[in-house]
Amino acid sequence: LQINIINPDPGEIVSSVEVNGQLKISKKQGKWNTFSLSQVLENGVYAAEIEFFNSHNGNIGVGIVKDTYTIPAGIYAWQENHRDHMAAYLGVAQGSGQIYYKGKGTAGNKGIVDNQIVKMEYDSEKGTIIFFVAGIQQPVYISGIKEKIRFIITMIYDDSYCIIRSLKKLSAPTSGHVANEQTVQW
């Protein structure tokens, strides 16, 4: 699938296509920004792989947003007034791997840091988002998704950037069951 973003702050968030077709997203200023991939997720299994750099010990997050929600400039996904529309899996510095939704954090996943590929896998039939870090499925996942959604990314620092390595529609899920599974209800 073509990788594009919905950019709420074009003066702050810069995207550029790499030679290999991957999308690099850079920030200009040290303020929170959340943006989504433009692909609407429905009817099938979708996966996105993202790698972060210069996140200052994991001041980052990935997750989902309701397709009906317009993300404003300068916010983070778990911020009051926005957190009912987005769920985020956080980096080490922001929540040590917790998934935040509607103001509640659920611990159990490994915190995201630089130089690791983070994969989000959405299965519309099951209504789930499963997360993987460096190829390892994480035990805390989101379930109960019965609406159109988009993948999101959150970053803060002016020298932070991420590479969206891939966005694919899969023929079948790659996830299975792991020890200590917990669900965050959407």
Protein backbone atom coordinates (compact mmCIF):
# COMPACT_ATOMS: atom_id res chain seq x y z
CA LEU A 1 0.00 0.00 0.00
CA GLN A 2 1.07 3.58 -0.60
CA ILE A 3 2.38 5.22 2.60
CA ASN A 4 0.99 8.72 3.18
CA ILE A 5 0.15 10.72 6.30
CA ILE A 6 -2.53 13.18 7.31
CA ASN A 7 -0.40 16.06 8.55
CA PRO A 8 -2.13 18.39 11.06
CA ASP A 9 0.94 20.67 11.30
CA PRO A 10 2.82 21.01 7.96
CA GLY A 11 5.13 23.69 9.39
CA GLU A 12 6.30 21.27 12.09
CA ILE A 13 6.08 17.78 10.58
CA VAL A 14 8.06 17.05 7.42
CA SER A 15 7.67 13.88 5.38
CA SER A 16 10.03 12.68 2.68
CA VAL A 17 10.09 9.51 0.62
CA GLU A 18 13.31 7.51 0.95
CA VAL A 19 15.00 5.87 -2.06
CA ASN A 20 13.55 2.49 -1.00
CA GLY A 21 9.98 3.87 -0.90
CA GLN A 22 9.82 4.11 2.89
CA LEU A 23 8.50 7.35 4.41
CA LYS A 24 10.68 9.42 6.76
CA ILE A 25 8.84 11.74 9.16
CA SER A 26 10.91 14.48 10.85
CA LYS A 27 10.06 17.19 13.38
CA LYS A 28 11.26 20.80 13.39
CA GLN A 29 10.37 21.92 16.93
CA GLY A 30 10.26 20.43 20.42
CA LYS A 31 6.52 20.12 20.88
CA TRP A 32 4.10 17.22 20.83
CA ASN A 33 2.61 16.21 17.53
CA THR A 34 0.39 13.30 16.61
CA PHE A 35 -0.39 12.40 13.02
CA SER A 36 -2.06 9.49 11.30
CA LEU A 37 -1.36 7.39 8.28
CA SER A 38 -3.96 8.22 5.63
CA GLN A 39 -4.96 4.59 4.98
CA VAL A 40 -8.39 3.86 6.49
CA LEU A 41 -8.38 0.43 8.11
CA GLU A 42 -11.45 -1.71 7.52
CA ASN A 43 -12.27 -5.14 6.08
CA GLY A 44 -9.06 -7.12 6.40
CA VAL A 45 -5.73 -7.45 8.14
CA TYR A 46 -3.32 -4.51 7.97
CA ALA A 47 0.19 -4.07 9.35
CA ALA A 48 2.46 -1.04 9.68
CA GLU A 49 6.12 -1.14 10.71
CA ILE A 50 7.76 1.95 12.21
CA GLU A 51 11.27 2.61 13.52
CA PHE A 52 12.12 5.63 15.69
CA PHE A 53 15.37 7.59 16.00
CA ASN A 54 16.50 10.34 18.45
CA SER A 55 13.40 9.86 20.60
CA HIS A 56 15.26 10.85 23.79
CA ASN A 57 14.68 7.56 25.61
CA GLY A 58 11.31 6.78 24.10
CA ASN A 59 9.31 10.01 24.04
CA ILE A 60 7.13 8.45 21.36
CA GLY A 61 3.96 6.48 20.80
CA VAL A 62 2.07 4.49 18.19
CA GLY A 63 -1.56 3.47 18.07
CA ILE A 64 -4.91 4.14 16.48
CA VAL A 65 -7.45 6.92 15.99
CA LYS A 66 -11.12 6.80 15.05
CA ASP A 67 -11.39 7.59 11.35
CA THR A 68 -14.12 10.14 12.15
CA TYR A 69 -11.72 12.17 14.36
CA THR A 70 -9.57 15.01 13.04
CA ILE A 71 -6.31 15.20 15.00
CA PRO A 72 -5.42 18.82 15.83
CA ALA A 73 -1.86 20.20 15.69
CA GLY A 74 0.33 20.16 18.80
CA ILE A 75 -1.25 17.35 20.83
CA TYR A 76 -0.31 13.93 22.13
CA ALA A 77 -2.63 10.95 21.81
CA TRP A 78 -3.30 10.46 25.53
CA GLN A 79 -3.99 14.16 26.18
CA GLU A 80 -7.24 15.18 27.84
CA ASN A 81 -9.98 16.12 25.33
CA HIS A 82 -8.39 13.86 22.69
CA ARG A 83 -7.75 10.56 24.50
CA ASP A 84 -11.28 9.22 23.97
CA HIS A 85 -10.64 9.16 20.21
CA MET A 86 -7.15 7.62 20.22
CA ALA A 87 -5.29 4.78 21.92
CA ALA A 88 -1.49 4.83 22.16
CA TYR A 89 1.26 2.34 22.97
CA LEU A 90 3.97 4.46 24.58
CA GLY A 91 7.73 4.62 24.61
CA VAL A 92 9.92 4.10 27.67
CA ALA A 93 10.01 7.78 28.75
CA GLN A 94 6.25 8.31 28.50
CA GLY A 95 4.79 5.19 30.03
CA SER A 96 7.24 2.28 29.97
CA GLY A 97 5.23 0.45 27.34
CA GLN A 98 1.75 1.12 28.66
CA ILE A 99 -1.22 1.39 26.35
CA TYR A 100 -3.24 4.52 27.14
CA TYR A 101 -6.89 4.90 26.24
CA LYS A 102 -9.55 7.13 27.81
CA GLY A 103 -7.12 8.28 30.52
CA LYS A 104 -6.19 4.81 31.75
CA GLY A 105 -2.81 3.13 31.27
CA THR A 106 -2.45 -0.64 31.00
CA ALA A 107 1.07 -1.97 31.68
CA GLY A 108 2.65 -5.17 30.43
CA ASN A 109 4.29 -4.38 27.09
CA LYS A 110 7.95 -3.59 26.55
CA GLY A 111 8.58 0.16 26.26
CA ILE A 112 9.40 1.39 22.77
CA VAL A 113 12.91 2.81 22.21
CA ASP A 114 15.03 3.86 19.24
CA ASN A 115 16.34 1.47 16.59
CA GLN A 116 13.61 -1.15 17.09
CA ILE A 117 10.93 -1.95 14.56
CA VAL A 118 7.48 -1.57 16.08
CA LYS A 119 4.70 -3.35 14.22
CA MET A 120 0.98 -2.72 14.62
CA GLU A 121 -1.33 -5.38 13.22
CA TYR A 122 -5.05 -4.69 12.84
CA ASP A 123 -7.53 -7.52 12.24
CA SER A 124 -11.00 -6.18 11.36
CA GLU A 125 -12.66 -9.58 11.79
CA LYS A 126 -11.43 -9.92 15.38
CA GLY A 127 -11.52 -6.16 16.05
CA THR A 128 -7.97 -6.18 17.48
CA ILE A 129 -4.69 -4.31 17.28
CA ILE A 130 -1.69 -6.45 18.25
CA PHE A 131 1.73 -4.87 18.81
CA PHE A 132 5.17 -6.35 18.12
CA VAL A 133 8.55 -4.93 19.19
CA ALA A 134 11.68 -6.22 17.44
CA GLY A 135 9.61 -9.13 16.13
CA ILE A 136 8.23 -10.14 19.54
CA GLN A 137 4.46 -10.05 20.04
CA GLN A 138 3.50 -7.98 23.08
CA PRO A 139 0.90 -9.25 25.59
CA VAL A 140 -1.25 -6.11 25.92
CA TYR A 141 -3.45 -5.42 22.90
CA ILE A 142 -6.56 -3.47 21.95
CA SER A 143 -9.85 -5.28 21.28
CA GLY A 144 -13.48 -4.42 20.56
CA ILE A 145 -12.77 -2.24 17.51
CA LYS A 146 -15.95 -2.09 15.42
CA GLU A 147 -15.36 1.06 13.40
CA LYS A 148 -13.01 2.46 10.78
CA ILE A 149 -9.65 3.50 12.23
CA ARG A 150 -6.22 4.77 11.15
CA PHE A 151 -2.74 4.11 12.57
CA ILE A 152 -1.13 7.02 14.48
CA ILE A 153 2.37 8.11 15.50
CA THR A 154 3.30 10.60 18.28
CA MET A 155 6.67 12.35 18.74
CA ILE A 156 7.95 15.42 20.62
CA TYR A 157 11.62 16.34 20.10
CA ASP A 158 12.87 18.56 17.27
CA ASP A 159 15.58 16.09 16.23
CA SER A 160 13.32 13.05 16.48
CA TYR A 161 12.26 11.20 13.37
CA CYS A 162 10.74 7.93 12.36
CA ILE A 163 10.75 5.78 9.28
CA ILE A 164 7.51 4.13 8.28
CA ARG A 165 9.07 0.98 6.85
CA SER A 166 5.93 -0.63 5.50
CA LEU A 167 2.15 -0.53 5.32
CA LYS A 168 0.60 -3.75 4.07
CA LYS A 169 -2.71 -5.49 3.72
CA LEU A 170 -2.07 -9.10 4.77
CA SER A 171 -3.88 -12.24 3.67
CA ALA A 172 -3.93 -13.52 7.28
CA PRO A 173 -2.84 -12.33 10.75
CA THR A 174 0.70 -13.11 11.91
CA SER A 175 -0.21 -12.87 15.61
CA GLY A 176 -0.97 -15.75 17.93
CA HIS A 177 -1.41 -16.10 21.67
CA VAL A 178 1.32 -15.18 24.17
CA ALA A 179 1.72 -15.47 27.95
CA ASN A 180 0.12 -12.82 30.19
CA GLU A 181 -2.24 -11.46 27.54
CA GLN A 182 -4.35 -8.47 28.57
CA THR A 183 -6.82 -6.49 26.56
CA VAL A 184 -7.64 -2.80 26.45
CA GLN A 185 -11.28 -2.47 25.42
CA TRP A 186 -11.82 0.10 22.63
